Structures are given as structure tokens and as C-alpha cells.
Amino acid sequence: MLGHHRVLGNPDKISSVKHLEDSKEGVLEVVPGLEGEKVVHIAAGAEHSVLNGLVKTWGWGEHGQLGLGDTCDQTSPQTVNLGQEVPNEAAKIKVYSGSGFTIAVRTPTVLSQT
């Protein structure tokens, strides 16, 4: 599904899917706020997700793992402030996540002088 961003969810937790309440099968839902975004990499924690290009996080935020400076849950992707702006061509960012943490690793790249 290149070019489409969807999330696999539990129908019991998705209010817009009332007709599937008896089903225990997962449901693919469109991820709100990602229309037109280029997703380079995605990492899934136990109850939150992270993607990069810009770094965006959403999901359960109880431990501050969304990197937004608070412990609020987010139902749609929120852009994480990584501090100093670095042009996309000047650095590579990889994101990793686990049950209660997220790590963003920024690696500088050498730009050609030609």
C-alpha cells in the first residue's frame, strides 16, 4: 500500500467501527494527519508509534515516550521538536521504540562540495 498510511487497530477501541464490535479481527484505519506526508521509517512501541522524515509520534504517552514534553496520550501524529533544525540532506534520523520509550538517533552526513 505504498503511499497510503494506515494503522492496524482493535475494533473494540475504535469508535468509528460500530458494526464490527463482535469481531476480534483487526481493522485498518487511516492515520489522521498523514495525508501527503512521506514516511521514511516507522517504529512501533507497545502502545505508541513513531515515524521519521519529520519525527512524529502518537499513541499512549504516560511515560513521556512521545517526546512532546508531557505525558498526554495523542490520537493523531504530533511533530516532535528535535532542537536545532538540520536540513534533511545534512542528517539521517532513525527512530526506535519499545514499551515505554522512544529513541531518535540523528547522524550527520557529509555534504558534497561539488
Foldseek 3Di string as FASTA:
>chain_A
DPQFDWDWDALCPDPVPVVCNVPRGTDTGGAPPCRPPDFDDKEDAPFKIWTDPQTWIAGQQQQVQRQQPDRDHHSHTDGHDPDDDDPPVQWDWDWYYYHHHIDIDIGGDDDDPD
